[in-house]
């Protein structure tokens, strides 16, 4: 079975030649360098994602103007008021949306002249993520604790056509528990 035997080098069995040692050392150095670069890039990516999240939050806060909502809300839903809706405008006066207050409900209808992306960060991360959904979850918890009846739970619907926002309908938005919501608008 001599034909299966690996020939020995002049350096002895199990030892690497100088060229092989140098190659192995260079490969180890390359691996170390690549691992270091990957770690640096991962740290940079984390930092950039953090900065991006901060910018998104600031944009979300700056994109919405606060609107004064009526202080007192009748216990029973009132018929639709023939008065004109409240409006949301840019600083330069461009109409962004109309707000219709109907008893305990509120409808926000975007201007037909502007297309709003229903998936845009100001809508998703701020209005839904930081205002509407936390209020809904809080009401659901209050319902489980029997502090609130199920028909008083805040709910919302975002009507869209493809990615274009058509309207936001919020039910049971208004009472003393809703101060954060009314201040957000």
Protein backbone atom coordinates (compact mmCIF):
# COMPACT_ATOMS: atom_id res chain seq x y z
CA UNK A 1 0.00 0.00 0.00
CA UNK A 2 2.86 2.35 -0.65
CA UNK A 3 0.87 4.10 -3.32
CA UNK A 4 -1.47 5.62 -0.62
CA UNK A 5 1.38 7.03 1.43
CA UNK A 6 1.86 10.80 1.27
CA UNK A 7 5.41 11.63 0.40
CA UNK A 8 7.33 13.39 3.14
CA UNK A 9 8.91 16.70 2.51
CA UNK A 10 12.45 17.48 3.36
CA UNK A 11 11.10 19.52 6.32
CA UNK A 12 9.56 16.51 7.97
CA UNK A 13 6.03 15.18 8.25
CA UNK A 14 3.29 17.59 9.32
CA UNK A 15 5.28 20.80 8.80
CA UNK A 16 4.40 23.46 6.27
CA UNK A 17 6.85 24.93 3.83
CA UNK A 18 7.85 28.58 4.21
CA UNK A 19 5.57 29.54 1.32
CA UNK A 20 2.63 27.72 2.89
CA UNK A 21 3.31 29.35 6.26
CA UNK A 22 3.48 32.79 4.68
CA UNK A 23 0.24 32.16 2.77
CA UNK A 24 -1.49 30.93 5.92
CA UNK A 25 -0.24 33.93 7.88
CA UNK A 26 -1.46 36.33 5.15
CA UNK A 27 -4.84 34.62 5.06
CA UNK A 28 -5.15 34.95 8.86
CA UNK A 29 -4.20 38.64 8.61
CA UNK A 30 -6.75 39.13 5.81
CA UNK A 31 -9.44 37.40 7.87
CA UNK A 32 -8.65 39.62 10.86
CA UNK A 33 -8.76 42.73 8.68
CA UNK A 34 -12.11 41.73 7.13
CA UNK A 35 -13.64 40.96 10.53
CA UNK A 36 -12.49 44.37 11.81
CA UNK A 37 -13.98 46.14 8.75
CA UNK A 38 -17.29 44.26 9.06
CA UNK A 39 -17.54 45.26 12.74
CA UNK A 40 -16.78 48.91 11.86
CA UNK A 41 -19.44 48.91 9.15
CA UNK A 42 -21.98 47.27 11.44
CA UNK A 43 -21.37 50.00 14.03
CA UNK A 44 -21.70 52.65 11.34
CA UNK A 45 -24.95 51.09 10.10
CA UNK A 46 -26.36 51.09 13.65
CA UNK A 47 -25.40 54.76 14.05
CA UNK A 48 -26.91 55.69 10.69
CA UNK A 49 -30.13 53.82 11.50
CA UNK A 50 -30.33 55.67 14.80
CA UNK A 51 -29.82 59.01 13.05
CA UNK A 52 -32.44 58.10 10.45
CA UNK A 53 -34.96 57.20 13.15
CA UNK A 54 -34.30 60.52 14.90
CA UNK A 55 -34.78 62.44 11.64
CA UNK A 56 -38.01 60.50 10.94
CA UNK A 57 -39.35 61.37 14.40
CA UNK A 58 -38.45 65.06 14.01
CA UNK A 59 -40.04 65.14 10.55
CA UNK A 60 -43.14 63.44 11.90
CA UNK A 61 -43.45 66.01 14.67
CA UNK A 62 -42.82 68.97 12.34
CA UNK A 63 -45.16 67.69 9.59
CA UNK A 64 -48.33 68.08 11.60
CA UNK A 65 -49.79 71.32 12.87
CA UNK A 66 -51.76 71.30 16.07
CA UNK A 67 -55.47 71.92 15.70
CA UNK A 68 -57.78 73.19 18.40
CA UNK A 69 -60.64 70.75 18.90
CA UNK A 70 -63.81 71.62 20.78
CA UNK A 71 -63.33 71.46 24.57
CA UNK A 72 -66.74 70.00 25.36
CA UNK A 73 -68.18 67.07 23.48
CA UNK A 74 -71.83 66.14 23.91
CA UNK A 75 -72.53 62.71 25.38
CA UNK A 76 -74.80 61.74 22.49
CA UNK A 77 -73.57 62.01 18.93
CA UNK A 78 -74.77 65.21 17.34
CA UNK A 79 -75.90 65.37 13.75
CA UNK A 80 -73.31 66.46 11.22
CA UNK A 81 -72.71 70.15 11.71
CA UNK A 82 -73.32 72.19 8.57
CA UNK A 83 -70.47 74.49 9.65
CA UNK A 84 -67.36 74.37 7.50
CA UNK A 85 -64.67 71.93 8.63
CA UNK A 86 -61.52 72.95 10.43
CA UNK A 87 -58.57 73.03 8.09
CA UNK A 88 -54.92 72.10 8.31
CA UNK A 89 -52.68 74.37 6.24
CA UNK A 90 -48.96 74.71 5.68
CA UNK A 91 -47.16 77.79 6.95
CA UNK A 92 -47.48 79.24 3.44
CA UNK A 93 -51.26 78.66 3.47
CA UNK A 94 -51.57 75.56 1.26
CA UNK A 95 -54.57 73.44 2.30
CA UNK A 96 -53.42 70.01 3.51
CA UNK A 97 -56.64 68.56 4.93
CA UNK A 98 -60.09 69.24 6.32
CA UNK A 99 -61.10 67.98 9.75
CA UNK A 100 -64.73 67.08 10.38
CA UNK A 101 -65.75 66.70 14.02
CA UNK A 102 -68.93 64.66 14.35
CA UNK A 103 -69.80 64.00 18.00
CA UNK A 104 -67.26 61.50 19.32
CA UNK A 105 -65.83 60.89 15.85
CA UNK A 106 -63.38 62.81 13.74
CA UNK A 107 -62.64 62.52 10.03
CA UNK A 108 -59.48 63.87 8.45
CA UNK A 109 -59.85 64.26 4.69
CA UNK A 110 -56.71 65.22 2.74
CA UNK A 111 -56.86 67.96 0.13
CA UNK A 112 -57.69 66.64 -3.33
CA UNK A 113 -54.84 68.75 -4.72
CA UNK A 114 -52.18 66.81 -2.79
CA UNK A 115 -51.57 63.07 -2.85
CA UNK A 116 -50.50 61.72 0.53
CA UNK A 117 -48.69 58.39 0.68
CA UNK A 118 -50.59 56.25 3.20
CA UNK A 119 -47.32 54.51 4.12
CA UNK A 120 -45.27 57.69 4.66
CA UNK A 121 -43.28 57.88 7.93
CA UNK A 122 -45.13 60.92 9.34
CA UNK A 123 -48.43 59.08 9.04
CA UNK A 124 -47.24 55.59 10.02
CA UNK A 125 -44.57 56.31 12.62
CA UNK A 126 -46.11 59.40 14.24
CA UNK A 127 -49.88 59.57 13.86
CA UNK A 128 -50.56 55.83 13.89
CA UNK A 129 -47.52 54.54 15.80
CA UNK A 130 -47.27 57.17 18.53
CA UNK A 131 -50.81 58.55 18.81
CA UNK A 132 -53.67 56.37 17.56
CA UNK A 133 -52.38 52.86 18.27
CA UNK A 134 -51.21 53.61 21.86
CA UNK A 135 -54.62 55.17 22.61
CA UNK A 136 -56.40 52.15 21.14
CA UNK A 137 -54.25 49.72 23.15
CA UNK A 138 -54.84 51.73 26.34
CA UNK A 139 -58.61 51.64 25.76
CA UNK A 140 -58.50 47.88 25.12
CA UNK A 141 -56.69 47.41 28.45
CA UNK A 142 -59.27 49.61 30.18
CA UNK A 143 -62.02 47.46 28.66
CA UNK A 144 -60.37 44.28 30.01
CA UNK A 145 -60.22 45.90 33.45
CA UNK A 146 -63.90 46.88 33.03
CA UNK A 147 -63.02 50.57 33.41
CA UNK A 148 -64.39 51.32 29.94
CA UNK A 149 -67.22 49.82 27.92
CA UNK A 150 -66.35 48.24 24.55
CA UNK A 151 -68.38 50.86 22.66
CA UNK A 152 -66.12 53.61 24.06
CA UNK A 153 -62.85 52.13 22.74
CA UNK A 154 -60.99 54.38 20.32
CA UNK A 155 -60.75 52.86 16.87
CA UNK A 156 -59.52 54.18 13.57
CA UNK A 157 -59.69 53.37 9.90
CA UNK A 158 -57.29 54.58 7.25
CA UNK A 159 -59.06 54.64 3.91
CA UNK A 160 -56.77 54.46 0.93
CA UNK A 161 -56.82 53.91 -2.76
CA UNK A 162 -53.66 52.03 -3.71
CA UNK A 163 -51.03 53.91 -1.63
CA UNK A 164 -52.91 57.22 -1.72
CA UNK A 165 -54.59 58.34 1.53
CA UNK A 166 -58.31 59.10 1.12
CA UNK A 167 -59.31 59.76 4.74
CA UNK A 168 -58.66 58.86 8.35
CA UNK A 169 -61.72 58.13 10.47
CA UNK A 170 -61.21 58.05 14.24
CA UNK A 171 -64.09 56.87 16.42
CA UNK A 172 -64.43 57.73 20.10
CA UNK A 173 -61.58 60.23 20.04
CA UNK A 174 -62.85 62.85 22.40
CA UNK A 175 -63.04 63.17 26.13
CA UNK A 176 -60.68 64.01 29.00
CA UNK A 177 -58.69 60.82 28.40
CA UNK A 178 -57.79 62.04 24.92
CA UNK A 179 -55.68 65.09 25.78
CA UNK A 180 -52.50 63.62 24.19
CA UNK A 181 -54.45 62.95 20.97
CA UNK A 182 -56.00 66.37 20.69
CA UNK A 183 -52.67 68.04 21.42
CA UNK A 184 -50.93 65.94 18.75
CA UNK A 185 -53.15 67.28 16.03
